[in-house]
Amino acid sequence: MTGPDVVWRAQRFDELSIGQLYAILAARAAVFVVEQDCPYQDLDGMDACGIHLTAWSADGAVAAYARVLPPGKRFSEPSIGRVLTARQARHTGLGRELMRRAIALAESAYPGQALRISAQQYLEGFYRGLGFVTVGEPYPEDGIPHLEMFRPVRSEQ
């Protein structure tokens, strides 16, 4: 489900249509609240300052999504969060492409800055493969074990 099967869009909050915002929030609820059985406050007040990277499928559904936040919002560094791949798009390479694009977007929006994420612990290897290193010990976040991970500034930038 990569390539011509999806359309990528990076949009600031005020660039999202009501329909796009609704689809994004529905996808976040489907994955984080329903699938992961984790009632939590998804609407955290940070969407307005984020850049929303979305892979839209041909039928207008969210296939993959990530939110890039500026430094000083979640962490002192820019961060990537709310990372999801819709159930029907998993195991297609779309999640890796999403993160590759999210990292590039964050590096373009906030040049010369490292990145920090709060990753679900079971995805530690996935994020390590993208250049993140684990810092600290696992901690519970919304009832799910998480790790703080850091991606240093790349010297080839």
N, C-alpha and C. Protein backbone atom coordinates (compact mmCIF):
# COMPACT_ATOMS: atom_id res chain seq x y z
N MET A 1 0.83 -1.19 0.00
CA MET A 1 0.00 0.00 0.00
C MET A 1 0.87 1.26 0.00
N THR A 2 1.98 1.21 -0.66
CA THR A 2 2.80 2.40 -0.82
C THR A 2 2.73 2.84 -2.26
N GLY A 3 3.47 3.85 -2.60
CA GLY A 3 3.50 4.30 -3.98
C GLY A 3 2.16 4.89 -4.41
N PRO A 4 1.62 4.41 -5.53
CA PRO A 4 0.41 5.01 -6.07
C PRO A 4 -0.85 4.70 -5.27
N ASP A 5 -0.76 3.79 -4.31
CA ASP A 5 -1.94 3.41 -3.53
C ASP A 5 -2.33 4.45 -2.49
N VAL A 6 -1.41 5.34 -2.14
CA VAL A 6 -1.71 6.36 -1.14
C VAL A 6 -1.24 7.73 -1.63
N VAL A 7 -1.85 8.76 -1.08
CA VAL A 7 -1.44 10.14 -1.33
C VAL A 7 -0.95 10.69 0.00
N TRP A 8 0.28 11.21 0.01
CA TRP A 8 0.86 11.76 1.23
C TRP A 8 0.57 13.25 1.32
N ARG A 9 0.19 13.69 2.51
CA ARG A 9 -0.02 15.12 2.75
C ARG A 9 0.56 15.48 4.11
N ALA A 10 1.33 16.56 4.15
CA ALA A 10 1.80 17.15 5.40
C ALA A 10 1.10 18.49 5.52
N GLN A 11 0.29 18.63 6.59
CA GLN A 11 -0.53 19.82 6.74
C GLN A 11 -0.49 20.35 8.16
N ARG A 12 -0.47 21.66 8.26
CA ARG A 12 -0.64 22.28 9.57
C ARG A 12 -2.13 22.16 9.93
N PHE A 13 -2.43 22.33 11.20
CA PHE A 13 -3.79 22.15 11.70
C PHE A 13 -4.81 22.97 10.92
N ASP A 14 -4.50 24.25 10.68
CA ASP A 14 -5.46 25.11 10.01
C ASP A 14 -5.57 24.83 8.51
N GLU A 15 -4.76 23.93 7.99
CA GLU A 15 -4.85 23.52 6.59
C GLU A 15 -5.73 22.27 6.41
N LEU A 16 -6.05 21.62 7.51
CA LEU A 16 -6.89 20.42 7.44
C LEU A 16 -8.35 20.81 7.25
N SER A 17 -9.04 20.11 6.36
CA SER A 17 -10.48 20.32 6.25
C SER A 17 -11.15 19.64 7.45
N ILE A 18 -12.39 19.97 7.68
CA ILE A 18 -13.13 19.33 8.76
C ILE A 18 -13.20 17.82 8.52
N GLY A 19 -13.42 17.42 7.28
CA GLY A 19 -13.48 16.00 6.95
C GLY A 19 -12.15 15.29 7.18
N GLN A 20 -11.05 15.94 6.82
CA GLN A 20 -9.73 15.35 7.05
C GLN A 20 -9.46 15.21 8.54
N LEU A 21 -9.76 16.26 9.30
CA LEU A 21 -9.55 16.21 10.74
C LEU A 21 -10.39 15.10 11.36
N TYR A 22 -11.63 14.98 10.95
CA TYR A 22 -12.50 13.93 11.47
C TYR A 22 -11.91 12.55 11.17
N ALA A 23 -11.45 12.34 9.93
CA ALA A 23 -10.87 11.04 9.55
C ALA A 23 -9.62 10.73 10.37
N ILE A 24 -8.79 11.73 10.61
CA ILE A 24 -7.58 11.53 11.41
C ILE A 24 -7.94 11.16 12.85
N LEU A 25 -8.85 11.92 13.44
CA LEU A 25 -9.24 11.63 14.82
C LEU A 25 -9.92 10.27 14.94
N ALA A 26 -10.71 9.90 13.94
CA ALA A 26 -11.35 8.58 13.94
C ALA A 26 -10.30 7.48 13.84
N ALA A 27 -9.28 7.67 13.02
CA ALA A 27 -8.21 6.67 12.90
C ALA A 27 -7.43 6.56 14.21
N ARG A 28 -7.14 7.68 14.84
CA ARG A 28 -6.44 7.64 16.12
C ARG A 28 -7.26 6.91 17.17
N ALA A 29 -8.56 7.18 17.22
CA ALA A 29 -9.42 6.49 18.19
C ALA A 29 -9.51 5.00 17.88
N ALA A 30 -9.61 4.64 16.61
CA ALA A 30 -9.70 3.23 16.23
C ALA A 30 -8.48 2.44 16.67
N VAL A 31 -7.30 3.03 16.51
CA VAL A 31 -6.06 2.32 16.86
C VAL A 31 -5.77 2.42 18.34
N PHE A 32 -5.69 3.64 18.86
CA PHE A 32 -5.20 3.82 20.23
C PHE A 32 -6.24 3.52 21.31
N VAL A 33 -7.49 3.80 21.06
CA VAL A 33 -8.52 3.59 22.08
C VAL A 33 -9.17 2.21 21.92
N VAL A 34 -9.64 1.90 20.72
CA VAL A 34 -10.38 0.65 20.51
C VAL A 34 -9.46 -0.55 20.41
N GLU A 35 -8.53 -0.57 19.43
CA GLU A 35 -7.65 -1.74 19.25
C GLU A 35 -6.79 -2.01 20.47
N GLN A 36 -6.21 -0.94 21.01
CA GLN A 36 -5.29 -1.12 22.15
C GLN A 36 -6.03 -1.10 23.48
N ASP A 37 -7.35 -0.99 23.44
CA ASP A 37 -8.17 -1.01 24.64
C ASP A 37 -7.61 -0.06 25.70
N CYS A 38 -7.40 1.17 25.28
CA CYS A 38 -6.71 2.13 26.13
C CYS A 38 -7.47 3.46 26.16
N PRO A 39 -8.40 3.60 27.09
CA PRO A 39 -9.08 4.89 27.19
C PRO A 39 -8.11 5.96 27.69
N TYR A 40 -7.90 6.96 26.88
CA TYR A 40 -7.00 8.05 27.27
C TYR A 40 -7.44 9.32 26.55
N GLN A 41 -6.91 10.44 26.97
CA GLN A 41 -7.27 11.74 26.40
C GLN A 41 -6.43 12.01 25.17
N ASP A 42 -6.92 11.57 24.00
CA ASP A 42 -6.19 11.78 22.74
C ASP A 42 -6.11 13.26 22.38
N LEU A 43 -7.19 13.99 22.60
CA LEU A 43 -7.21 15.42 22.28
C LEU A 43 -6.49 16.16 23.40
N ASP A 44 -5.18 16.32 23.20
CA ASP A 44 -4.29 16.81 24.24
C ASP A 44 -3.93 18.28 24.12
N GLY A 45 -4.57 19.00 23.21
CA GLY A 45 -4.28 20.42 23.06
C GLY A 45 -3.06 20.71 22.21
N MET A 46 -2.43 19.68 21.64
CA MET A 46 -1.22 19.91 20.85
C MET A 46 -1.44 19.79 19.34
N ASP A 47 -2.61 19.39 18.92
CA ASP A 47 -2.85 19.25 17.48
C ASP A 47 -2.69 20.57 16.74
N ALA A 48 -3.09 21.67 17.36
CA ALA A 48 -3.05 22.98 16.69
C ALA A 48 -1.63 23.43 16.34
N CYS A 49 -0.64 22.98 17.08
CA CYS A 49 0.74 23.40 16.80
C CYS A 49 1.51 22.36 16.00
N GLY A 50 0.90 21.23 15.70
CA GLY A 50 1.60 20.15 15.02
C GLY A 50 1.50 20.22 13.51
N ILE A 51 2.35 19.42 12.88
CA ILE A 51 2.26 19.17 11.45
C ILE A 51 1.74 17.74 11.34
N HIS A 52 0.68 17.58 10.57
CA HIS A 52 -0.02 16.30 10.47
C HIS A 52 0.35 15.62 9.15
N LEU A 53 1.07 14.51 9.25
CA LEU A 53 1.50 13.76 8.08
C LEU A 53 0.55 12.58 7.92
N THR A 54 -0.12 12.53 6.78
CA THR A 54 -1.13 11.51 6.57
C THR A 54 -0.94 10.84 5.23
N ALA A 55 -1.06 9.51 5.21
CA ALA A 55 -1.14 8.75 3.97
C ALA A 55 -2.62 8.45 3.77
N TRP A 56 -3.20 9.01 2.72
CA TRP A 56 -4.62 8.85 2.42
C TRP A 56 -4.78 7.75 1.39
N SER A 57 -5.64 6.79 1.65
CA SER A 57 -5.92 5.73 0.69
C SER A 57 -6.87 6.26 -0.39
N ALA A 58 -7.03 5.50 -1.45
CA ALA A 58 -7.87 5.92 -2.58
C ALA A 58 -9.31 6.19 -2.18
N ASP A 59 -9.79 5.51 -1.14
CA ASP A 59 -11.18 5.71 -0.70
C ASP A 59 -11.32 6.86 0.31
N GLY A 60 -10.24 7.60 0.54
CA GLY A 60 -10.29 8.74 1.44
C GLY A 60 -10.06 8.42 2.90
N ALA A 61 -9.73 7.17 3.20
CA ALA A 61 -9.47 6.77 4.58
C ALA A 61 -8.00 7.03 4.94
N VAL A 62 -7.74 7.14 6.22
CA VAL A 62 -6.37 7.30 6.71
C VAL A 62 -5.71 5.93 6.70
N ALA A 63 -4.63 5.78 5.93
CA ALA A 63 -3.87 4.53 5.89
C ALA A 63 -2.74 4.57 6.91
N ALA A 64 -2.16 5.76 7.12
CA ALA A 64 -1.08 5.94 8.10
C ALA A 64 -1.06 7.41 8.50
N TYR A 65 -0.55 7.65 9.70
CA TYR A 65 -0.58 9.01 10.24
C TYR A 65 0.49 9.18 11.30
N ALA A 66 1.05 10.40 11.37
CA ALA A 66 1.96 10.80 12.45
C ALA A 66 1.84 12.30 12.65
N ARG A 67 2.10 12.72 13.87
CA ARG A 67 2.04 14.15 14.21
C ARG A 67 3.44 14.59 14.63
N VAL A 68 3.92 15.65 14.00
CA VAL A 68 5.22 16.24 14.33
C VAL A 68 4.97 17.48 15.16
N LEU A 69 5.56 17.50 16.36
CA LEU A 69 5.39 18.64 17.26
C LEU A 69 6.67 19.46 17.33
N PRO A 70 6.54 20.77 17.51
CA PRO A 70 7.73 21.62 17.60
C PRO A 70 8.46 21.42 18.93
N PRO A 71 9.70 21.87 18.99
CA PRO A 71 10.43 21.79 20.26
C PRO A 71 9.69 22.57 21.35
N GLY A 72 9.76 22.03 22.56
CA GLY A 72 9.16 22.70 23.69
C GLY A 72 7.71 22.34 23.96
N LYS A 73 7.12 21.50 23.12
CA LYS A 73 5.73 21.10 23.35
C LYS A 73 5.66 19.81 24.16
N ARG A 74 6.12 18.72 23.60
CA ARG A 74 6.12 17.44 24.33
C ARG A 74 7.47 17.25 25.02
N PHE A 75 8.53 17.53 24.28
CA PHE A 75 9.91 17.44 24.78
C PHE A 75 10.63 18.73 24.41
N SER A 76 11.85 18.89 24.90
CA SER A 76 12.61 20.08 24.52
C SER A 76 12.99 20.03 23.04
N GLU A 77 13.10 18.82 22.48
CA GLU A 77 13.38 18.64 21.06
C GLU A 77 12.06 18.51 20.29
N PRO A 78 12.10 18.68 18.96
CA PRO A 78 10.93 18.32 18.16
C PRO A 78 10.62 16.84 18.39
N SER A 79 9.36 16.47 18.22
CA SER A 79 8.99 15.07 18.46
C SER A 79 7.98 14.59 17.43
N ILE A 80 7.92 13.29 17.30
CA ILE A 80 6.97 12.62 16.42
C ILE A 80 6.11 11.73 17.31
N GLY A 81 4.82 11.82 17.14
CA GLY A 81 3.94 11.01 17.96
C GLY A 81 2.64 10.68 17.25
N ARG A 82 1.75 10.01 17.97
CA ARG A 82 0.47 9.56 17.44
C ARG A 82 0.67 8.76 16.14
N VAL A 83 1.76 8.01 16.11
CA VAL A 83 2.14 7.23 14.92
C VAL A 83 1.22 6.02 14.80
N LEU A 84 0.58 5.89 13.64
CA LEU A 84 -0.29 4.73 13.44
C LEU A 84 -0.31 4.29 11.99
N THR A 85 -0.55 3.02 11.82
CA THR A 85 -0.84 2.44 10.51
C THR A 85 -2.18 1.74 10.67
N ALA A 86 -3.12 2.05 9.79
CA ALA A 86 -4.44 1.42 9.85
C ALA A 86 -4.31 -0.08 9.67
N ARG A 87 -5.18 -0.82 10.30
CA ARG A 87 -5.11 -2.28 10.30
C ARG A 87 -4.92 -2.85 8.89
N GLN A 88 -5.68 -2.37 7.91
CA GLN A 88 -5.63 -2.91 6.56
C GLN A 88 -4.32 -2.58 5.83
N ALA A 89 -3.53 -1.66 6.37
CA ALA A 89 -2.28 -1.26 5.72
C ALA A 89 -1.04 -1.80 6.42
N ARG A 90 -1.23 -2.59 7.46
CA ARG A 90 -0.08 -3.12 8.21
C ARG A 90 0.64 -4.21 7.42
N HIS A 91 1.91 -4.35 7.71
CA HIS A 91 2.77 -5.36 7.08
C HIS A 91 2.94 -5.11 5.59
N THR A 92 2.87 -3.84 5.19
CA THR A 92 3.06 -3.47 3.78
C THR A 92 4.29 -2.60 3.59
N GLY A 93 4.95 -2.22 4.68
CA GLY A 93 6.06 -1.27 4.61
C GLY A 93 5.62 0.17 4.78
N LEU A 94 4.32 0.39 4.91
CA LEU A 94 3.80 1.74 5.02
C LEU A 94 4.24 2.41 6.33
N GLY A 95 4.31 1.66 7.41
CA GLY A 95 4.74 2.23 8.69
C GLY A 95 6.16 2.74 8.64
N ARG A 96 7.05 1.99 8.01
CA ARG A 96 8.45 2.43 7.86
C ARG A 96 8.51 3.67 6.97
N GLU A 97 7.73 3.67 5.88
CA GLU A 97 7.71 4.84 4.99
C GLU A 97 7.13 6.06 5.72
N LEU A 98 6.11 5.84 6.53
CA LEU A 98 5.55 6.92 7.34
C LEU A 98 6.62 7.54 8.23
N MET A 99 7.36 6.71 8.94
CA MET A 99 8.38 7.24 9.85
C MET A 99 9.53 7.88 9.08
N ARG A 100 9.91 7.32 7.96
CA ARG A 100 10.97 7.92 7.14
C ARG A 100 10.55 9.34 6.74
N ARG A 101 9.30 9.47 6.30
CA ARG A 101 8.79 10.78 5.90
C ARG A 101 8.62 11.72 7.09
N ALA A 102 8.17 11.20 8.23
CA ALA A 102 8.00 12.03 9.42
C ALA A 102 9.34 12.57 9.91
N ILE A 103 10.36 11.74 9.89
CA ILE A 103 11.70 12.18 10.29
C ILE A 103 12.19 13.27 9.34
N ALA A 104 12.04 13.06 8.04
CA ALA A 104 12.45 14.06 7.06
C ALA A 104 11.68 15.37 7.24
N LEU A 105 10.38 15.26 7.53
CA LEU A 105 9.55 16.44 7.76
C LEU A 105 10.02 17.21 8.99
N ALA A 106 10.28 16.49 10.07
CA ALA A 106 10.76 17.13 11.30
C ALA A 106 12.13 17.78 11.08
N GLU A 107 13.00 17.09 10.37
CA GLU A 107 14.33 17.66 10.11
C GLU A 107 14.25 18.89 9.21
N SER A 108 13.29 18.90 8.29
CA SER A 108 13.11 20.06 7.42
C SER A 108 12.49 21.24 8.18
N ALA A 109 11.50 20.95 9.00
CA ALA A 109 10.82 22.00 9.76
C ALA A 109 11.68 22.56 10.88
N TYR A 110 12.53 21.71 11.46
CA TYR A 110 13.36 22.10 12.61
C TYR A 110 14.81 21.67 12.35
N PRO A 111 15.46 22.30 11.38
CA PRO A 111 16.81 21.86 10.98
C PRO A 111 17.83 21.95 12.11
N GLY A 112 18.74 20.98 12.09
CA GLY A 112 19.83 20.97 13.06
C GLY A 112 19.41 20.56 14.46
N GLN A 113 18.21 19.98 14.60
CA GLN A 113 17.76 19.57 15.93
C GLN A 113 17.56 18.07 15.98
N ALA A 114 17.88 17.50 17.12
CA ALA A 114 17.64 16.08 17.35
C ALA A 114 16.14 15.86 17.52
N LEU A 115 15.72 14.61 17.52
CA LEU A 115 14.32 14.25 17.72
C LEU A 115 14.17 13.38 18.95
N ARG A 116 13.01 13.45 19.57
CA ARG A 116 12.72 12.61 20.73
C ARG A 116 11.31 12.07 20.58
N ILE A 117 11.12 10.81 20.95
CA ILE A 117 9.80 10.19 20.88
C ILE A 117 9.53 9.41 22.16
N SER A 118 8.26 9.16 22.38
CA SER A 118 7.83 8.23 23.41
C SER A 118 7.26 7.04 22.65
N ALA A 119 7.99 5.94 22.64
CA ALA A 119 7.63 4.78 21.81
C ALA A 119 7.07 3.66 22.65
N GLN A 120 6.08 2.98 22.10
CA GLN A 120 5.63 1.77 22.78
C GLN A 120 6.79 0.78 22.80
N GLN A 121 7.01 0.18 23.96
CA GLN A 121 8.21 -0.64 24.18
C GLN A 121 8.36 -1.76 23.15
N TYR A 122 7.27 -2.37 22.72
CA TYR A 122 7.39 -3.49 21.79
C TYR A 122 7.89 -3.05 20.42
N LEU A 123 7.90 -1.74 20.14
CA LEU A 123 8.39 -1.22 18.87
C LEU A 123 9.81 -0.67 18.95
N GLU A 124 10.49 -0.96 20.05
CA GLU A 124 11.85 -0.45 20.24
C GLU A 124 12.76 -0.80 19.07
N GLY A 125 12.76 -2.03 18.62
CA GLY A 125 13.62 -2.46 17.51
C GLY A 125 13.30 -1.72 16.22
N PHE A 126 12.03 -1.51 15.95
CA PHE A 126 11.60 -0.76 14.77
C PHE A 126 12.21 0.63 14.77
N TYR A 127 12.09 1.35 15.90
CA TYR A 127 12.61 2.70 15.98
C TYR A 127 14.14 2.73 16.01
N ARG A 128 14.76 1.73 16.59
CA ARG A 128 16.23 1.66 16.53
C ARG A 128 16.70 1.56 15.09
N GLY A 129 15.96 0.81 14.28
CA GLY A 129 16.29 0.69 12.87
C GLY A 129 16.17 2.02 12.11
N LEU A 130 15.53 2.99 12.71
CA LEU A 130 15.38 4.32 12.11
C LEU A 130 16.33 5.34 12.73
N GLY A 131 17.27 4.86 13.54
CA GLY A 131 18.29 5.74 14.11
C GLY A 131 18.02 6.27 15.50
N PHE A 132 16.97 5.79 16.15
CA PHE A 132 16.67 6.21 17.52
C PHE A 132 17.41 5.32 18.51
N VAL A 133 17.81 5.89 19.63
CA VAL A 133 18.43 5.13 20.71
C VAL A 133 17.56 5.29 21.96
N THR A 134 17.51 4.25 22.75
CA THR A 134 16.71 4.25 23.97
C THR A 134 17.43 5.04 25.06
N VAL A 135 16.67 5.90 25.73
CA VAL A 135 17.22 6.63 26.87
C VAL A 135 16.31 6.36 28.07
N GLY A 136 16.90 5.90 29.14
CA GLY A 136 16.13 5.64 30.34
C GLY A 136 15.47 4.27 30.34
N GLU A 137 14.66 4.08 31.34
CA GLU A 137 13.98 2.81 31.58
C GLU A 137 12.54 2.87 31.08
N PRO A 138 11.94 1.70 30.86
CA PRO A 138 10.53 1.68 30.46
C PRO A 138 9.64 2.34 31.53
N TYR A 139 8.56 2.94 31.07
CA TYR A 139 7.60 3.59 31.97
C TYR A 139 6.20 3.37 31.41
N PRO A 140 5.21 3.36 32.29
CA PRO A 140 3.83 3.20 31.80
C PRO A 140 3.29 4.54 31.28
N GLU A 141 2.66 4.48 30.12
CA GLU A 141 1.96 5.66 29.59
C GLU A 141 0.61 5.16 29.11
N ASP A 142 -0.43 5.64 29.72
CA ASP A 142 -1.78 5.21 29.40
C ASP A 142 -1.93 3.69 29.48
N GLY A 143 -1.24 3.09 30.47
CA GLY A 143 -1.35 1.66 30.70
C GLY A 143 -0.53 0.77 29.78
N ILE A 144 0.31 1.37 28.93
CA ILE A 144 1.12 0.61 27.97
C ILE A 144 2.59 0.94 28.24
N PRO A 145 3.47 -0.08 28.31
CA PRO A 145 4.90 0.21 28.52
C PRO A 145 5.49 1.02 27.36
N HIS A 146 6.16 2.11 27.69
CA HIS A 146 6.78 3.00 26.71
C HIS A 146 8.25 3.20 27.04
N LEU A 147 8.98 3.68 26.06
CA LEU A 147 10.38 4.05 26.21
C LEU A 147 10.58 5.43 25.60
N GLU A 148 11.41 6.23 26.24
CA GLU A 148 11.82 7.48 25.62
C GLU A 148 12.98 7.14 24.69
N MET A 149 12.91 7.64 23.46
CA MET A 149 13.96 7.37 22.48
C MET A 149 14.40 8.68 21.84
N PHE A 150 15.66 8.73 21.47
CA PHE A 150 16.32 9.95 21.00
C PHE A 150 17.01 9.67 19.67
N ARG A 151 16.88 10.57 18.74
CA ARG A 151 17.57 10.45 17.45
C ARG A 151 18.45 11.67 17.29
N PRO A 152 19.77 11.48 17.41
CA PRO A 152 20.67 12.63 17.33
C PRO A 152 20.65 13.28 15.95
N VAL A 153 21.13 14.49 15.90
CA VAL A 153 21.27 15.20 14.62
C VAL A 153 22.25 14.41 13.77
N ARG A 154 21.90 14.22 12.52
CA ARG A 154 22.76 13.48 11.58
C ARG A 154 23.81 14.42 11.02
N SER A 155 25.06 13.97 10.98
CA SER A 155 26.16 14.81 10.51
C SER A 155 26.09 15.08 9.02
N GLU A 156 25.39 14.23 8.24
CA GLU A 156 25.30 14.43 6.79
C GLU A 156 24.29 15.50 6.41
N GLN A 157 23.62 16.11 7.39
CA GLN A 157 22.66 17.17 7.06
C GLN A 157 23.37 18.42 6.63
